């Protein structure tokens, strides 16, 4: 009778509090390491490609230092027309971003990479969301920023919080991807590496 293989250590290559809270939902033990990756887009790089490139780069950067276990990398990019909207630099930039977004359709691309630091195997995916904004007044935008302070979110949108009030419609396959980490895809990737989050021997008890 063969012994059950131990669960490989899991590391989140991100300092985002949103991704940390999302990963906790799966009930798996993990550590957090800052990847230290430059998030600037390359000349002419499209949003989807940028989200995927950065996700892989983050996971591989941490994998190169740990040399063991599974490394999760993720990045989200907001695209409005032909423009990539990153995290706002300050309040004025957030006002600019939301003014541009008012009444328009935006696409959110959330990249995901799972790297096996031992074998070098990379699994990757990009989950897209379509977001349609209401027509917003400057007063509404300023009040939203006062209440929600979404300065760590690309496009100045915290959709899991009061940011939902800015939207008229949205569509996409995975609500967790909208927040910043596609858990549906991640569960499949973990399964491919032999980690079943529904296995009580591999998961810790979820906090209630």
Protein backbone atom coordinates (compact mmCIF):
# COMPACT_ATOMS: atom_id res chain seq x y z
CA UNK A 1 0.00 0.00 0.00
CA UNK A 2 1.54 3.30 -1.12
CA UNK A 3 1.79 6.20 1.24
CA UNK A 4 -0.07 9.39 0.44
CA UNK A 5 2.24 12.07 -0.93
CA UNK A 6 2.55 15.19 1.23
CA UNK A 7 0.92 18.35 -0.03
CA UNK A 8 3.51 20.66 -1.64
CA UNK A 9 3.86 24.07 0.04
CA UNK A 10 1.78 26.79 -1.59
CA UNK A 11 2.98 30.37 -1.97
CA UNK A 12 1.04 33.42 -3.14
CA UNK A 13 3.33 35.72 -5.15
CA UNK A 14 1.47 38.87 -4.22
CA UNK A 15 1.15 41.41 -1.43
CA UNK A 16 -2.44 42.25 -2.42
CA UNK A 17 -4.77 41.92 0.59
CA UNK A 18 -7.62 41.13 -1.81
CA UNK A 19 -5.85 38.12 -3.32
CA UNK A 20 -4.81 36.92 0.13
CA UNK A 21 -8.41 36.97 1.34
CA UNK A 22 -9.61 35.21 -1.80
CA UNK A 23 -7.05 32.41 -1.49
CA UNK A 24 -8.10 31.89 2.12
CA UNK A 25 -11.54 30.88 0.82
CA UNK A 26 -10.07 27.62 -0.47
CA UNK A 27 -8.99 26.63 3.04
CA UNK A 28 -5.44 25.77 2.01
CA UNK A 29 -2.34 26.76 3.95
CA UNK A 30 -0.10 29.17 2.10
CA UNK A 31 2.61 31.76 2.60
CA UNK A 32 2.86 35.19 0.98
CA UNK A 33 5.96 36.54 -0.78
CA UNK A 34 6.32 39.82 -2.65
CA UNK A 35 7.40 39.07 -6.24
CA UNK A 36 9.10 42.41 -6.85
CA UNK A 37 8.09 42.54 -10.53
CA UNK A 38 7.88 45.73 -12.59
CA UNK A 39 4.23 45.97 -13.67
CA UNK A 40 4.75 48.47 -16.51
CA UNK A 41 3.33 47.49 -19.88
CA UNK A 42 5.61 46.95 -22.86
CA UNK A 43 5.14 49.27 -25.85
CA UNK A 44 2.02 48.21 -27.75
CA UNK A 45 1.20 45.42 -25.30
CA UNK A 46 -2.51 44.58 -25.06
CA UNK A 47 -4.32 44.22 -21.75
CA UNK A 48 -4.91 40.48 -21.89
CA UNK A 49 -1.29 39.77 -22.80
CA UNK A 50 -0.04 42.09 -20.05
CA UNK A 51 -2.17 40.40 -17.37
CA UNK A 52 -0.88 36.98 -18.38
CA UNK A 53 2.77 38.03 -18.72
CA UNK A 54 2.80 39.65 -15.29
CA UNK A 55 1.05 36.70 -13.65
CA UNK A 56 3.68 34.29 -14.98
CA UNK A 57 6.53 36.68 -14.17
CA UNK A 58 5.38 37.06 -10.56
CA UNK A 59 5.05 33.31 -10.02
CA UNK A 60 8.38 32.56 -11.67
CA UNK A 61 10.19 35.29 -9.71
CA UNK A 62 9.15 33.72 -6.42
CA UNK A 63 9.71 30.17 -7.72
CA UNK A 64 13.31 31.09 -8.51
CA UNK A 65 13.92 31.93 -4.85
CA UNK A 66 12.02 29.06 -3.21
CA UNK A 67 12.90 26.20 -5.60
CA UNK A 68 10.05 24.11 -4.16
CA UNK A 69 6.28 23.95 -3.95
CA UNK A 70 3.57 25.63 -5.97
CA UNK A 71 3.59 29.36 -6.64
CA UNK A 72 0.45 31.35 -7.49
CA UNK A 73 0.87 34.50 -9.55
CA UNK A 74 -1.96 36.80 -10.65
CA UNK A 75 -2.45 40.24 -12.13
CA UNK A 76 -5.44 42.27 -13.24
CA UNK A 77 -5.57 44.80 -16.04
CA UNK A 78 -8.43 47.17 -16.88
CA UNK A 79 -8.89 48.21 -20.50
CA UNK A 80 -11.08 51.11 -21.58
CA UNK A 81 -11.19 51.49 -25.34
CA UNK A 82 -7.52 51.36 -26.36
CA UNK A 83 -6.25 52.51 -22.98
CA UNK A 84 -4.92 50.39 -20.11
CA UNK A 85 -6.01 51.73 -16.73
CA UNK A 86 -3.68 50.77 -13.92
CA UNK A 87 -3.95 51.55 -10.23
CA UNK A 88 -4.55 55.28 -9.73
CA UNK A 89 -1.51 57.31 -8.69
CA UNK A 90 -3.60 59.52 -6.41
CA UNK A 91 -7.10 60.94 -5.94
CA UNK A 92 -6.85 63.18 -9.00
CA UNK A 93 -5.88 60.21 -11.15
CA UNK A 94 -8.78 58.17 -9.73
CA UNK A 95 -11.18 60.97 -10.65
CA UNK A 96 -9.70 61.00 -14.16
CA UNK A 97 -10.10 57.23 -14.54
CA UNK A 98 -13.70 57.14 -13.35
CA UNK A 99 -14.63 60.20 -15.42
CA UNK A 100 -13.28 58.42 -18.51
CA UNK A 101 -15.18 55.25 -17.56
CA UNK A 102 -18.53 56.99 -17.01
CA UNK A 103 -21.20 55.55 -19.32
CA UNK A 104 -18.71 53.30 -21.09
CA UNK A 105 -17.79 49.64 -21.31
CA UNK A 106 -14.59 48.42 -19.72
CA UNK A 107 -12.91 45.02 -19.85
CA UNK A 108 -11.10 43.52 -16.87
CA UNK A 109 -8.52 40.82 -17.62
CA UNK A 110 -7.34 38.76 -14.66
CA UNK A 111 -4.32 36.59 -15.35
CA UNK A 112 -3.41 33.50 -13.35
CA UNK A 113 -0.30 31.33 -13.28
CA UNK A 114 0.56 28.32 -11.14
CA UNK A 115 4.23 27.38 -11.27
CA UNK A 116 5.66 24.15 -9.89
CA UNK A 117 9.00 25.41 -8.59
CA UNK A 118 10.47 21.90 -8.62
CA UNK A 119 9.48 20.76 -12.12
CA UNK A 120 9.19 24.17 -13.79
CA UNK A 121 5.71 23.32 -15.11
CA UNK A 122 3.61 26.46 -15.70
CA UNK A 123 -0.18 26.46 -15.90
CA UNK A 124 -1.79 29.68 -17.09
CA UNK A 125 -5.15 31.30 -17.79
CA UNK A 126 -6.79 34.68 -18.32
CA UNK A 127 -10.37 35.35 -17.20
CA UNK A 128 -12.17 38.34 -18.70
CA UNK A 129 -15.06 40.43 -17.38
CA UNK A 130 -17.18 42.95 -19.22
CA UNK A 131 -18.15 45.93 -17.07
CA UNK A 132 -20.62 48.65 -18.11
CA UNK A 133 -20.59 51.86 -16.06
CA UNK A 134 -23.52 54.07 -15.22
CA UNK A 135 -23.27 57.70 -16.26
CA UNK A 136 -21.54 59.28 -13.27
CA UNK A 137 -21.44 62.87 -12.07
CA UNK A 138 -18.29 64.36 -10.60
CA UNK A 139 -20.06 64.56 -7.22
CA UNK A 140 -20.86 60.83 -7.34
CA UNK A 141 -17.28 59.98 -8.25
CA UNK A 142 -15.86 62.09 -5.44
CA UNK A 143 -18.31 60.66 -2.90
CA UNK A 144 -17.43 57.14 -4.02
CA UNK A 145 -13.73 57.82 -3.55
CA UNK A 146 -14.37 59.24 -0.09
CA UNK A 147 -16.33 56.15 0.96
CA UNK A 148 -14.52 53.29 -0.76
CA UNK A 149 -10.95 54.56 -1.26
CA UNK A 150 -10.22 52.16 -4.15
CA UNK A 151 -6.65 53.35 -4.68
CA UNK A 152 -5.20 49.85 -4.76
CA UNK A 153 -7.54 48.73 -7.55
CA UNK A 154 -6.94 49.00 -11.29
CA UNK A 155 -9.32 51.45 -12.90
CA UNK A 156 -10.23 52.76 -9.41
CA UNK A 157 -12.99 50.16 -9.20
CA UNK A 158 -13.58 48.02 -6.11
CA UNK A 159 -16.43 45.97 -7.52
CA UNK A 160 -16.79 43.72 -4.47
CA UNK A 161 -17.57 46.79 -2.35
CA UNK A 162 -19.38 50.06 -3.03
CA UNK A 163 -17.96 50.08 -6.54
CA UNK A 164 -20.89 47.91 -7.58
CA UNK A 165 -23.01 51.07 -7.34
CA UNK A 166 -21.03 52.55 -10.25
CA UNK A 167 -22.07 49.77 -12.61
CA UNK A 168 -25.10 49.19 -14.81
CA UNK A 169 -24.16 45.70 -15.97
CA UNK A 170 -21.35 43.17 -15.76
CA UNK A 171 -20.74 39.70 -17.10
CA UNK A 172 -18.07 37.08 -16.63
CA UNK A 173 -17.54 33.45 -15.62
CA UNK A 174 -16.00 33.74 -12.15
CA UNK A 175 -16.89 36.38 -9.50
CA UNK A 176 -13.56 35.85 -7.75
CA UNK A 177 -11.74 36.85 -10.94
CA UNK A 178 -13.53 40.20 -10.82
CA UNK A 179 -11.96 40.81 -7.39
CA UNK A 180 -8.50 39.73 -8.50
CA UNK A 181 -7.85 35.97 -8.27
CA UNK A 182 -9.73 33.41 -10.46
CA UNK A 183 -10.45 30.68 -7.93
CA UNK A 184 -12.34 28.42 -10.34
CA UNK A 185 -9.32 28.19 -12.62
CA UNK A 186 -6.95 27.92 -9.67
CA UNK A 187 -8.82 24.92 -8.21
CA UNK A 188 -8.41 23.13 -11.53
CA UNK A 189 -4.71 23.93 -11.65
CA UNK A 190 -4.19 22.71 -8.09
CA UNK A 191 -6.04 19.49 -8.94
CA UNK A 192 -3.63 18.96 -11.84
CA UNK A 193 -0.78 19.15 -9.31
CA UNK A 194 -2.46 16.66 -7.00
CA UNK A 195 -3.91 19.17 -4.54
CA UNK A 196 -7.63 18.70 -3.84
CA UNK A 197 -9.00 21.57 -1.75
CA UNK A 198 -11.96 19.37 -0.77
CA UNK A 199 -9.64 16.79 0.75
CA UNK A 200 -9.66 17.35 4.52
CA UNK A 201 -6.17 15.92 4.69
CA UNK A 202 -4.85 18.69 2.47
CA UNK A 203 -6.95 21.61 3.68
CA UNK A 204 -7.27 23.46 6.93
CA UNK A 205 -10.63 24.17 8.54
CA UNK A 206 -12.28 27.27 7.12
CA UNK A 207 -12.83 30.10 9.56
CA UNK A 208 -16.45 31.16 10.08
